[in-house]
Amino acid sequence: MNMNFEEDLINKPSHYHKNEIDVNGYLEKHFPKEGGYTVAEGFYIGNVIKYVSRYKNKNGLQDLEKAAANLKLLIELEKANECS
């Protein structure tokens, strides 16, 4: 059996598919088009989940900081929506 394989970093990077969980599939299932989220909300939510789920296998603390920045943007968006 040939265990040498080249990872597909474009279509299926391993850091998004750990422990049988596909981050993109999760987002598609839990945040469907008809789910009532705006594009911006979906973008921020997806980025938070993406960065937190991969931080140990990719960029460490930098990915956690990216997740925090996206969560902050989502919070600011939600506060603006409450005021309008």
N, C-alpha and C. Protein backbone atom coordinates (compact mmCIF):
# COMPACT_ATOMS: atom_id res chain seq x y z
N MET A 1 0.85 -1.19 0.00
CA MET A 1 0.00 0.00 0.00
C MET A 1 0.89 1.24 0.00
N ASN A 2 0.60 2.17 -0.88
CA ASN A 2 1.38 3.40 -0.99
C ASN A 2 0.84 4.44 -0.03
N MET A 3 1.63 4.77 0.99
CA MET A 3 1.19 5.75 1.99
C MET A 3 1.64 7.16 1.63
N ASN A 4 2.43 7.29 0.57
CA ASN A 4 2.87 8.61 0.13
C ASN A 4 1.79 9.21 -0.77
N PHE A 5 1.29 10.35 -0.37
CA PHE A 5 0.30 11.03 -1.19
C PHE A 5 0.54 12.51 -1.09
N GLU A 6 0.13 13.20 -2.12
CA GLU A 6 0.28 14.65 -2.11
C GLU A 6 -1.03 15.26 -1.65
N GLU A 7 -0.97 16.08 -0.63
CA GLU A 7 -2.16 16.71 -0.08
C GLU A 7 -2.72 17.73 -1.07
N ASP A 8 -4.05 17.75 -1.19
CA ASP A 8 -4.73 18.74 -2.04
C ASP A 8 -5.01 19.97 -1.19
N LEU A 9 -4.08 20.92 -1.19
CA LEU A 9 -4.19 22.11 -0.35
C LEU A 9 -5.26 23.08 -0.83
N ILE A 10 -5.72 22.94 -2.05
CA ILE A 10 -6.76 23.83 -2.58
C ILE A 10 -8.16 23.31 -2.25
N ASN A 11 -8.43 22.06 -2.55
CA ASN A 11 -9.79 21.53 -2.42
C ASN A 11 -10.07 20.80 -1.11
N LYS A 12 -9.05 20.24 -0.48
CA LYS A 12 -9.28 19.49 0.76
C LYS A 12 -8.05 19.51 1.65
N PRO A 13 -7.72 20.71 2.18
CA PRO A 13 -6.56 20.77 3.07
C PRO A 13 -6.84 20.02 4.37
N SER A 14 -5.87 19.29 4.86
CA SER A 14 -6.08 18.44 6.04
C SER A 14 -6.47 19.24 7.28
N HIS A 15 -6.02 20.50 7.40
CA HIS A 15 -6.34 21.26 8.60
C HIS A 15 -7.81 21.66 8.68
N TYR A 16 -8.60 21.41 7.62
CA TYR A 16 -10.04 21.65 7.67
C TYR A 16 -10.83 20.35 7.79
N HIS A 17 -10.14 19.23 7.87
CA HIS A 17 -10.81 17.93 7.87
C HIS A 17 -10.25 17.02 8.96
N LYS A 18 -10.23 17.49 10.16
CA LYS A 18 -9.70 16.72 11.27
C LYS A 18 -10.82 15.91 11.94
N ASN A 19 -10.49 14.69 12.33
CA ASN A 19 -11.42 13.84 13.09
C ASN A 19 -12.77 13.67 12.40
N GLU A 20 -12.73 13.44 11.10
CA GLU A 20 -13.95 13.19 10.32
C GLU A 20 -14.89 14.39 10.22
N ILE A 21 -14.44 15.56 10.60
CA ILE A 21 -15.28 16.75 10.53
C ILE A 21 -14.77 17.65 9.42
N ASP A 22 -15.65 17.98 8.50
CA ASP A 22 -15.34 18.88 7.39
C ASP A 22 -15.90 20.24 7.76
N VAL A 23 -15.04 21.23 7.99
CA VAL A 23 -15.49 22.55 8.43
C VAL A 23 -16.48 23.15 7.43
N ASN A 24 -16.18 23.06 6.15
CA ASN A 24 -17.09 23.63 5.15
C ASN A 24 -18.44 22.92 5.16
N GLY A 25 -18.43 21.60 5.28
CA GLY A 25 -19.69 20.85 5.36
C GLY A 25 -20.49 21.22 6.59
N TYR A 26 -19.81 21.41 7.72
CA TYR A 26 -20.47 21.82 8.95
C TYR A 26 -21.17 23.16 8.75
N LEU A 27 -20.45 24.12 8.14
CA LEU A 27 -21.03 25.45 7.93
C LEU A 27 -22.23 25.39 6.99
N GLU A 28 -22.12 24.61 5.93
CA GLU A 28 -23.24 24.49 4.99
C GLU A 28 -24.46 23.88 5.66
N LYS A 29 -24.25 22.91 6.53
CA LYS A 29 -25.36 22.24 7.22
C LYS A 29 -26.00 23.14 8.28
N HIS A 30 -25.20 23.83 9.05
CA HIS A 30 -25.72 24.61 10.18
C HIS A 30 -26.11 26.04 9.84
N PHE A 31 -25.68 26.52 8.69
CA PHE A 31 -26.00 27.88 8.27
C PHE A 31 -26.49 27.87 6.82
N PRO A 32 -27.66 27.27 6.60
CA PRO A 32 -28.19 27.18 5.23
C PRO A 32 -28.58 28.55 4.69
N LYS A 33 -28.71 28.61 3.36
CA LYS A 33 -29.05 29.87 2.69
C LYS A 33 -30.31 30.49 3.29
N GLU A 34 -31.28 29.66 3.62
CA GLU A 34 -32.54 30.18 4.14
C GLU A 34 -32.52 30.35 5.67
N GLY A 35 -31.36 30.35 6.27
CA GLY A 35 -31.23 30.41 7.72
C GLY A 35 -31.40 31.78 8.35
N GLY A 36 -31.50 32.83 7.56
CA GLY A 36 -31.73 34.14 8.12
C GLY A 36 -30.47 34.91 8.48
N TYR A 37 -29.31 34.43 8.10
CA TYR A 37 -28.06 35.14 8.36
C TYR A 37 -27.71 35.99 7.16
N THR A 38 -27.15 37.18 7.41
CA THR A 38 -26.67 38.00 6.31
C THR A 38 -25.34 37.41 5.81
N VAL A 39 -24.91 37.86 4.66
CA VAL A 39 -23.63 37.41 4.13
C VAL A 39 -22.51 37.75 5.11
N ALA A 40 -22.53 38.95 5.66
CA ALA A 40 -21.49 39.36 6.61
C ALA A 40 -21.51 38.48 7.85
N GLU A 41 -22.69 38.22 8.40
CA GLU A 41 -22.78 37.37 9.59
C GLU A 41 -22.22 35.98 9.29
N GLY A 42 -22.63 35.41 8.18
CA GLY A 42 -22.14 34.09 7.81
C GLY A 42 -20.63 34.06 7.62
N PHE A 43 -20.11 35.12 7.04
CA PHE A 43 -18.66 35.22 6.82
C PHE A 43 -17.92 35.23 8.15
N TYR A 44 -18.37 36.06 9.09
CA TYR A 44 -17.69 36.15 10.39
C TYR A 44 -17.83 34.85 11.18
N ILE A 45 -19.02 34.27 11.19
CA ILE A 45 -19.24 33.00 11.91
C ILE A 45 -18.34 31.92 11.32
N GLY A 46 -18.33 31.82 10.00
CA GLY A 46 -17.50 30.81 9.34
C GLY A 46 -16.03 30.98 9.66
N ASN A 47 -15.56 32.22 9.65
CA ASN A 47 -14.15 32.47 9.95
C ASN A 47 -13.81 32.12 11.39
N VAL A 48 -14.69 32.45 12.33
CA VAL A 48 -14.43 32.10 13.73
C VAL A 48 -14.28 30.59 13.86
N ILE A 49 -15.22 29.84 13.30
CA ILE A 49 -15.17 28.38 13.39
C ILE A 49 -13.93 27.84 12.69
N LYS A 50 -13.63 28.37 11.50
CA LYS A 50 -12.48 27.93 10.73
C LYS A 50 -11.18 28.14 11.50
N TYR A 51 -10.97 29.35 11.99
CA TYR A 51 -9.71 29.65 12.65
C TYR A 51 -9.54 28.89 13.96
N VAL A 52 -10.60 28.76 14.73
CA VAL A 52 -10.51 28.04 16.00
C VAL A 52 -10.26 26.55 15.75
N SER A 53 -10.91 25.99 14.73
CA SER A 53 -10.79 24.56 14.50
C SER A 53 -9.43 24.15 13.95
N ARG A 54 -8.69 25.06 13.36
CA ARG A 54 -7.42 24.69 12.74
C ARG A 54 -6.18 25.21 13.46
N TYR A 55 -6.35 26.00 14.50
CA TYR A 55 -5.21 26.74 15.05
C TYR A 55 -4.04 25.85 15.49
N LYS A 56 -4.32 24.68 16.02
CA LYS A 56 -3.24 23.80 16.48
C LYS A 56 -2.45 23.21 15.31
N ASN A 57 -3.08 23.11 14.15
CA ASN A 57 -2.45 22.46 13.00
C ASN A 57 -1.96 23.43 11.94
N LYS A 58 -2.18 24.72 12.16
CA LYS A 58 -1.75 25.65 11.12
C LYS A 58 -0.95 26.80 11.71
N ASN A 59 -1.60 27.86 12.18
CA ASN A 59 -0.87 29.07 12.56
C ASN A 59 -0.90 29.40 14.05
N GLY A 60 -1.34 28.47 14.88
CA GLY A 60 -1.31 28.66 16.32
C GLY A 60 -2.01 29.92 16.81
N LEU A 61 -1.34 30.67 17.63
CA LEU A 61 -1.89 31.88 18.25
C LEU A 61 -2.43 32.86 17.20
N GLN A 62 -1.77 32.97 16.07
CA GLN A 62 -2.22 33.88 15.02
C GLN A 62 -3.65 33.53 14.57
N ASP A 63 -3.96 32.26 14.44
CA ASP A 63 -5.32 31.87 14.05
C ASP A 63 -6.33 32.20 15.15
N LEU A 64 -5.93 32.05 16.41
CA LEU A 64 -6.83 32.43 17.50
C LEU A 64 -7.09 33.94 17.49
N GLU A 65 -6.07 34.71 17.18
CA GLU A 65 -6.24 36.16 17.09
C GLU A 65 -7.14 36.53 15.91
N LYS A 66 -7.02 35.81 14.80
CA LYS A 66 -7.91 36.04 13.66
C LYS A 66 -9.35 35.70 14.03
N ALA A 67 -9.54 34.61 14.77
CA ALA A 67 -10.88 34.24 15.22
C ALA A 67 -11.45 35.33 16.12
N ALA A 68 -10.65 35.83 17.03
CA ALA A 68 -11.10 36.90 17.94
C ALA A 68 -11.47 38.16 17.16
N ALA A 69 -10.68 38.49 16.15
CA ALA A 69 -10.97 39.68 15.34
C ALA A 69 -12.30 39.52 14.60
N ASN A 70 -12.56 38.33 14.07
CA ASN A 70 -13.82 38.10 13.37
C ASN A 70 -15.00 38.08 14.34
N LEU A 71 -14.80 37.54 15.54
CA LEU A 71 -15.86 37.56 16.55
C LEU A 71 -16.16 39.00 16.96
N LYS A 72 -15.15 39.82 17.09
CA LYS A 72 -15.35 41.24 17.42
C LYS A 72 -16.16 41.93 16.34
N LEU A 73 -15.86 41.65 15.08
CA LEU A 73 -16.63 42.23 13.98
C LEU A 73 -18.08 41.78 14.01
N LEU A 74 -18.31 40.51 14.33
CA LEU A 74 -19.68 40.00 14.43
C LEU A 74 -20.42 40.68 15.58
N ILE A 75 -19.76 40.86 16.70
CA ILE A 75 -20.37 41.55 17.85
C ILE A 75 -20.71 42.99 17.49
N GLU A 76 -19.80 43.68 16.83
CA GLU A 76 -20.07 45.07 16.41
C GLU A 76 -21.23 45.13 15.45
N LEU A 77 -21.33 44.19 14.53
CA LEU A 77 -22.43 44.14 13.58
C LEU A 77 -23.75 43.91 14.31
N GLU A 78 -23.75 43.02 15.27
CA GLU A 78 -24.95 42.72 16.05
C GLU A 78 -25.39 43.93 16.88
N LYS A 79 -24.44 44.61 17.48
CA LYS A 79 -24.77 45.83 18.25
C LYS A 79 -25.36 46.89 17.34
N ALA A 80 -24.81 47.07 16.15
CA ALA A 80 -25.34 48.05 15.19
C ALA A 80 -26.75 47.68 14.76
N ASN A 81 -27.01 46.38 14.61
CA ASN A 81 -28.36 45.94 14.23
C ASN A 81 -29.37 46.18 15.35
N GLU A 82 -28.94 46.05 16.60
CA GLU A 82 -29.84 46.30 17.72
C GLU A 82 -30.21 47.77 17.84
N CYS A 83 -29.31 48.65 17.44
CA CYS A 83 -29.53 50.09 17.55
C CYS A 83 -30.38 50.62 16.39
N SER A 84 -30.52 49.86 15.32
CA SER A 84 -31.29 50.38 14.18
C SER A 84 -32.73 49.92 14.17
